[in-house]
């Protein structure tokens, strides 16, 4: 095993910006108010499983359906670009569904382990030689996701609407820069 702490820190911050659990607080709070209880551990485990499976099998899955990594990465960069605009400007490009339960769909997938996260994982897998650094970064982010979901009431009170809005915009700019970098890399 080869652990590179600089790579782990970089990957962790990239995934943190893409997953954006803090920026998703308004959506999670609204879903919780609509459907009742959410299950932080279940959400964390399911989204982590999706990310790990896609990290190892994503390229194979794409190959089986006839999509090359470059096309997937460009499509993902466009999705990240649109997500960043949603975060920064407050525009809505996607329609929210009204789920019966919010634990798996839409929180674990696609809110946490969505297209942006999966695309980013494939890009990180292509960029970083040692997959264990990516796995450590995923686990760190999943820990953070779990802590946020467990403390959603407290965070909502502490940050308030303006604090959540500021964090969402900051991570939106980071995500926008990542989308542009990803697009430039594969075009």
C-alpha atoms as a PDB file:
ATOM      1  CA  UNK A   1       0.000   0.000   0.000  1.00  0.00           C
ATOM      2  CA  UNK A   2       1.199   3.441  -0.908  1.00  0.00           C
ATOM      3  CA  UNK A   3      -0.449   6.298   0.978  1.00  0.00           C
ATOM      4  CA  UNK A   4       0.283   9.789  -0.267  1.00  0.00           C
ATOM      5  CA  UNK A   5      -1.161  12.270   2.232  1.00  0.00           C
ATOM      6  CA  UNK A   6      -1.027  15.169  -0.230  1.00  0.00           C
ATOM      7  CA  UNK A   7      -2.977  13.108  -2.790  1.00  0.00           C
ATOM      8  CA  UNK A   8      -5.458  12.014  -0.112  1.00  0.00           C
ATOM      9  CA  UNK A   9      -5.992  15.640   0.951  1.00  0.00           C
ATOM     10  CA  UNK A  10      -6.461  16.781  -2.648  1.00  0.00           C
ATOM     11  CA  UNK A  11      -8.855  13.949  -3.512  1.00  0.00           C
ATOM     12  CA  UNK A  12     -10.778  14.495  -0.272  1.00  0.00           C
ATOM     13  CA  UNK A  13     -11.307  18.176  -1.066  1.00  0.00           C
ATOM     14  CA  UNK A  14     -12.356  17.425  -4.650  1.00  0.00           C
ATOM     15  CA  UNK A  15     -14.878  14.822  -3.505  1.00  0.00           C
ATOM     16  CA  UNK A  16     -16.037  17.117  -0.696  1.00  0.00           C
ATOM     17  CA  UNK A  17     -16.829  19.831  -3.241  1.00  0.00           C
ATOM     18  CA  UNK A  18     -18.582  17.398  -5.595  1.00  0.00           C
ATOM     19  CA  UNK A  19     -20.594  15.563  -2.930  1.00  0.00           C
ATOM     20  CA  UNK A  20     -21.428  18.917  -1.297  1.00  0.00           C
ATOM     21  CA  UNK A  21     -23.363  17.558   1.643  1.00  0.00           C
ATOM     22  CA  UNK A  22     -23.329  21.013   3.278  1.00  0.00           C
ATOM     23  CA  UNK A  23     -24.710  22.632   0.139  1.00  0.00           C
ATOM     24  CA  UNK A  24     -27.326  19.884   0.009  1.00  0.00           C
ATOM     25  CA  UNK A  25     -28.562  20.687   3.521  1.00  0.00           C
ATOM     26  CA  UNK A  26     -31.583  22.642   2.262  1.00  0.00           C
ATOM     27  CA  UNK A  27     -32.627  19.720   0.048  1.00  0.00           C
ATOM     28  CA  UNK A  28     -32.042  17.160   2.816  1.00  0.00           C
ATOM     29  CA  UNK A  29     -33.975  19.263   5.341  1.00  0.00           C
ATOM     30  CA  UNK A  30     -36.867  19.649   2.902  1.00  0.00           C
ATOM     31  CA  UNK A  31     -36.923  15.887   2.244  1.00  0.00           C
ATOM     32  CA  UNK A  32     -36.760  15.135   5.958  1.00  0.00           C
ATOM     33  CA  UNK A  33     -39.680  17.498   6.588  1.00  0.00           C
ATOM     34  CA  UNK A  34     -41.635  15.865   3.763  1.00  0.00           C
ATOM     35  CA  UNK A  35     -41.040  12.178   4.540  1.00  0.00           C
ATOM     36  CA  UNK A  36     -40.070  12.142   8.210  1.00  0.00           C
ATOM     37  CA  UNK A  37     -37.041  10.279   9.463  1.00  0.00           C
ATOM     38  CA  UNK A  38     -33.937   9.774   7.355  1.00  0.00           C
ATOM     39  CA  UNK A  39     -31.395   7.038   8.139  1.00  0.00           C
ATOM     40  CA  UNK A  40     -27.840   8.461   8.211  1.00  0.00           C
ATOM     41  CA  UNK A  41     -26.019   5.125   8.501  1.00  0.00           C
ATOM     42  CA  UNK A  42     -28.021   3.491   5.708  1.00  0.00           C
ATOM     43  CA  UNK A  43     -27.518   6.529   3.453  1.00  0.00           C
ATOM     44  CA  UNK A  44     -23.781   6.547   4.156  1.00  0.00           C
ATOM     45  CA  UNK A  45     -23.340   2.809   3.544  1.00  0.00           C
ATOM     46  CA  UNK A  46     -25.364   2.755   0.328  1.00  0.00           C
ATOM     47  CA  UNK A  47     -23.681   5.828  -1.151  1.00  0.00           C
ATOM     48  CA  UNK A  48     -20.262   4.459  -0.137  1.00  0.00           C
ATOM     49  CA  UNK A  49     -21.031   1.118  -1.762  1.00  0.00           C
ATOM     50  CA  UNK A  50     -22.086   2.825  -4.979  1.00  0.00           C
ATOM     51  CA  UNK A  51     -18.889   4.899  -5.029  1.00  0.00           C
ATOM     52  CA  UNK A  52     -16.552   1.967  -4.319  1.00  0.00           C
ATOM     53  CA  UNK A  53     -18.235  -0.308  -6.868  1.00  0.00           C
ATOM     54  CA  UNK A  54     -18.104   2.408  -9.512  1.00  0.00           C
ATOM     55  CA  UNK A  55     -14.473   3.168  -8.669  1.00  0.00           C
ATOM     56  CA  UNK A  56     -13.524  -0.420  -9.531  1.00  0.00           C
ATOM     57  CA  UNK A  57     -16.150  -1.349 -12.139  1.00  0.00           C
ATOM     58  CA  UNK A  58     -17.054   1.999 -13.698  1.00  0.00           C
ATOM     59  CA  UNK A  59     -14.765   1.602 -16.694  1.00  0.00           C
ATOM     60  CA  UNK A  60     -16.019  -1.951 -17.279  1.00  0.00           C
ATOM     61  CA  UNK A  61     -19.645  -0.860 -17.045  1.00  0.00           C
ATOM     62  CA  UNK A  62     -19.006   1.936 -19.528  1.00  0.00           C
ATOM     63  CA  UNK A  63     -17.188  -0.457 -21.867  1.00  0.00           C
ATOM     64  CA  UNK A  64     -20.108  -2.915 -21.767  1.00  0.00           C
ATOM     65  CA  UNK A  65     -22.557  -0.228 -22.814  1.00  0.00           C
ATOM     66  CA  UNK A  66     -20.195   1.179 -25.422  1.00  0.00           C
ATOM     67  CA  UNK A  67     -19.207   4.484 -23.849  1.00  0.00           C
ATOM     68  CA  UNK A  68     -15.577   5.551 -23.661  1.00  0.00           C
ATOM     69  CA  UNK A  69     -14.152   7.262 -20.579  1.00  0.00           C
ATOM     70  CA  UNK A  70     -13.579  10.511 -22.472  1.00  0.00           C
ATOM     71  CA  UNK A  71     -17.247  10.809 -23.451  1.00  0.00           C
ATOM     72  CA  UNK A  72     -18.358   9.953 -19.925  1.00  0.00           C
ATOM     73  CA  UNK A  73     -15.910  12.473 -18.457  1.00  0.00           C
ATOM     74  CA  UNK A  74     -17.063  15.244 -20.805  1.00  0.00           C
ATOM     75  CA  UNK A  75     -20.707  14.452 -20.033  1.00  0.00           C
ATOM     76  CA  UNK A  76     -19.826  14.466 -16.338  1.00  0.00           C
ATOM     77  CA  UNK A  77     -18.030  17.792 -16.652  1.00  0.00           C
ATOM     78  CA  UNK A  78     -21.172  19.294 -18.175  1.00  0.00           C
ATOM     79  CA  UNK A  79     -23.236  17.908 -15.291  1.00  0.00           C
ATOM     80  CA  UNK A  80     -20.733  19.321 -12.793  1.00  0.00           C
ATOM     81  CA  UNK A  81     -20.873  22.632 -14.646  1.00  0.00           C
ATOM     82  CA  UNK A  82     -24.675  22.730 -14.349  1.00  0.00           C
ATOM     83  CA  UNK A  83     -24.548  21.669 -10.685  1.00  0.00           C
ATOM     84  CA  UNK A  84     -22.075  24.470 -10.026  1.00  0.00           C
ATOM     85  CA  UNK A  85     -24.425  26.977 -11.658  1.00  0.00           C
ATOM     86  CA  UNK A  86     -27.276  25.668  -9.505  1.00  0.00           C
ATOM     87  CA  UNK A  87     -25.135  26.132  -6.416  1.00  0.00           C
ATOM     88  CA  UNK A  88     -23.783  29.577  -7.319  1.00  0.00           C
ATOM     89  CA  UNK A  89     -26.792  31.212  -8.949  1.00  0.00           C
ATOM     90  CA  UNK A  90     -29.645  29.223  -7.417  1.00  0.00           C
ATOM     91  CA  UNK A  91     -30.993  28.156 -10.802  1.00  0.00           C
ATOM     92  CA  UNK A  92     -32.776  24.819 -11.005  1.00  0.00           C
ATOM     93  CA  UNK A  93     -31.880  22.537 -13.916  1.00  0.00           C
ATOM     94  CA  UNK A  94     -33.345  19.372 -12.453  1.00  0.00           C
ATOM     95  CA  UNK A  95     -36.762  18.382 -11.221  1.00  0.00           C
ATOM     96  CA  UNK A  96     -37.058  17.120  -7.653  1.00  0.00           C
ATOM     97  CA  UNK A  97     -39.079  13.952  -7.197  1.00  0.00           C
ATOM     98  CA  UNK A  98     -41.341  13.377  -4.213  1.00  0.00           C
ATOM     99  CA  UNK A  99     -40.022  10.133  -2.761  1.00  0.00           C
ATOM    100  CA  UNK A 100     -41.848   7.881  -0.329  1.00  0.00           C
ATOM    101  CA  UNK A 101     -38.620   7.436   1.602  1.00  0.00           C
ATOM    102  CA  UNK A 102     -35.621   9.703   1.476  1.00  0.00           C
ATOM    103  CA  UNK A 103     -32.986   7.332   2.820  1.00  0.00           C
ATOM    104  CA  UNK A 104     -31.779   5.734  -0.395  1.00  0.00           C
ATOM    105  CA  UNK A 105     -33.376   7.700  -3.216  1.00  0.00           C
ATOM    106  CA  UNK A 106     -32.725  10.620  -3.632  1.00  0.00           C
ATOM    107  CA  UNK A 107     -30.228  11.213  -0.804  1.00  0.00           C
ATOM    108  CA  UNK A 108     -27.781   8.280  -1.171  1.00  0.00           C
ATOM    109  CA  UNK A 109     -28.313   8.257  -4.923  1.00  0.00           C
ATOM    110  CA  UNK A 110     -28.183  10.664  -6.736  1.00  0.00           C
ATOM    111  CA  UNK A 111     -27.620  13.437  -4.163  1.00  0.00           C
ATOM    112  CA  UNK A 112     -24.443  12.017  -2.578  1.00  0.00           C
ATOM    113  CA  UNK A 113     -23.320   9.356  -5.066  1.00  0.00           C
ATOM    114  CA  UNK A 114     -24.675  10.969  -8.204  1.00  0.00           C
ATOM    115  CA  UNK A 115     -23.405  11.463 -11.717  1.00  0.00           C
ATOM    116  CA  UNK A 116     -20.990  14.184 -10.666  1.00  0.00           C
ATOM    117  CA  UNK A 117     -19.441  12.024  -7.958  1.00  0.00           C
ATOM    118  CA  UNK A 118     -19.190   8.970 -10.201  1.00  0.00           C
ATOM    119  CA  UNK A 119     -17.639  10.952 -13.045  1.00  0.00           C
ATOM    120  CA  UNK A 120     -15.181  12.507 -10.630  1.00  0.00           C
ATOM    121  CA  UNK A 121     -14.234   9.066  -9.297  1.00  0.00           C
ATOM    122  CA  UNK A 122     -13.457   7.808 -12.807  1.00  0.00           C
ATOM    123  CA  UNK A 123     -11.393  10.906 -13.495  1.00  0.00           C
ATOM    124  CA  UNK A 124      -9.531  10.519 -10.210  1.00  0.00           C
ATOM    125  CA  UNK A 125      -8.915   6.856 -10.990  1.00  0.00           C
ATOM    126  CA  UNK A 126      -7.327   7.892 -14.290  1.00  0.00           C
ATOM    127  CA  UNK A 127      -5.276  10.645 -12.659  1.00  0.00           C
ATOM    128  CA  UNK A 128      -4.006   8.905  -9.507  1.00  0.00           C
ATOM    129  CA  UNK A 129      -2.006   5.674  -9.674  1.00  0.00           C
ATOM    130  CA  UNK A 130      -2.764   4.389  -6.179  1.00  0.00           C
ATOM    131  CA  UNK A 131      -6.431   3.553  -5.719  1.00  0.00           C
ATOM    132  CA  UNK A 132      -6.047   3.265  -1.931  1.00  0.00           C
ATOM    133  CA  UNK A 133      -5.624   7.046  -1.749  1.00  0.00           C
ATOM    134  CA  UNK A 134      -8.994   7.463  -3.451  1.00  0.00           C
ATOM    135  CA  UNK A 135     -10.599   4.913  -1.111  1.00  0.00           C
ATOM    136  CA  UNK A 136      -9.260   6.747   1.957  1.00  0.00           C
ATOM    137  CA  UNK A 137     -10.632  10.019   0.566  1.00  0.00           C
ATOM    138  CA  UNK A 138     -14.025   8.366  -0.034  1.00  0.00           C
ATOM    139  CA  UNK A 139     -14.090   7.052   3.552  1.00  0.00           C
ATOM    140  CA  UNK A 140     -13.177  10.492   4.934  1.00  0.00           C
ATOM    141  CA  UNK A 141     -15.999  12.049   2.925  1.00  0.00           C
ATOM    142  CA  UNK A 142     -18.445   9.336   3.985  1.00  0.00           C
ATOM    143  CA  UNK A 143     -17.542   9.990   7.613  1.00  0.00           C
ATOM    144  CA  UNK A 144     -18.275  13.668   7.050  1.00  0.00           C
ATOM    145  CA  UNK A 145     -21.569  12.826   5.294  1.00  0.00           C
ATOM    146  CA  UNK A 146     -22.585  10.637   8.235  1.00  0.00           C
ATOM    147  CA  UNK A 147     -21.714  13.334  10.797  1.00  0.00           C
ATOM    148  CA  UNK A 148     -23.669  15.948   8.843  1.00  0.00           C
ATOM    149  CA  UNK A 149     -26.715  13.674   8.464  1.00  0.00           C
ATOM    150  CA  UNK A 150     -26.635  12.743  12.162  1.00  0.00           C
ATOM    151  CA  UNK A 151     -26.479  16.412  13.160  1.00  0.00           C
ATOM    152  CA  UNK A 152     -28.747  17.934  10.554  1.00  0.00           C
ATOM    153  CA  UNK A 153     -30.951  19.718  13.118  1.00  0.00           C
ATOM    154  CA  UNK A 154     -27.958  21.322  14.848  1.00  0.00           C
ATOM    155  CA  UNK A 155     -26.290  22.372  11.605  1.00  0.00           C
ATOM    156  CA  UNK A 156     -29.498  23.894  10.351  1.00  0.00           C
ATOM    157  CA  UNK A 157     -29.726  26.004  13.523  1.00  0.00           C
ATOM    158  CA  UNK A 158     -26.010  26.913  13.660  1.00  0.00           C
ATOM    159  CA  UNK A 159     -25.536  27.891  10.018  1.00  0.00           C
ATOM    160  CA  UNK A 160     -28.908  29.386   9.363  1.00  0.00           C
ATOM    161  CA  UNK A 161     -30.143  30.055   5.842  1.00  0.00           C
ATOM    162  CA  UNK A 162     -27.445  32.622   5.032  1.00  0.00           C
ATOM    163  CA  UNK A 163     -24.588  30.404   6.268  1.00  0.00           C
ATOM    164  CA  UNK A 164     -25.819  27.474   4.202  1.00  0.00           C
ATOM    165  CA  UNK A 165     -26.166  29.773   1.197  1.00  0.00           C
ATOM    166  CA  UNK A 166     -22.606  31.097   1.550  1.00  0.00           C
ATOM    167  CA  UNK A 167     -21.147  27.581   1.837  1.00  0.00           C
ATOM    168  CA  UNK A 168     -23.149  26.429  -1.153  1.00  0.00           C
ATOM    169  CA  UNK A 169     -21.796  29.280  -3.298  1.00  0.00           C
ATOM    170  CA  UNK A 170     -18.174  28.720  -2.217  1.00  0.00           C
ATOM    171  CA  UNK A 171     -18.355  25.026  -3.059  1.00  0.00           C
ATOM    172  CA  UNK A 172     -20.157  25.914  -6.274  1.00  0.00           C
ATOM    173  CA  UNK A 173     -17.168  27.966  -7.437  1.00  0.00           C
ATOM    174  CA  UNK A 174     -14.801  25.095  -6.549  1.00  0.00           C
ATOM    175  CA  UNK A 175     -17.034  22.687  -8.447  1.00  0.00           C
ATOM    176  CA  UNK A 176     -17.155  25.019 -11.449  1.00  0.00           C
ATOM    177  CA  UNK A 177     -13.351  25.132 -11.571  1.00  0.00           C
ATOM    178  CA  UNK A 178     -13.246  21.331 -11.334  1.00  0.00           C
ATOM    179  CA  UNK A 179     -15.761  21.014 -14.191  1.00  0.00           C
ATOM    180  CA  UNK A 180     -13.683  23.283 -16.406  1.00  0.00           C
ATOM    181  CA  UNK A 181     -10.485  21.364 -15.562  1.00  0.00           C
ATOM    182  CA  UNK A 182     -12.197  18.049 -16.330  1.00  0.00           C
ATOM    183  CA  UNK A 183     -13.551  19.371 -19.627  1.00  0.00           C
ATOM    184  CA  UNK A 184     -10.146  20.745 -20.678  1.00  0.00           C
ATOM    185  CA  UNK A 185      -8.446  17.446 -19.797  1.00  0.00           C
ATOM    186  CA  UNK A 186     -10.642  15.342 -22.098  1.00  0.00           C
ATOM    187  CA  UNK A 187     -11.195  17.688 -25.039  1.00  0.00           C
END
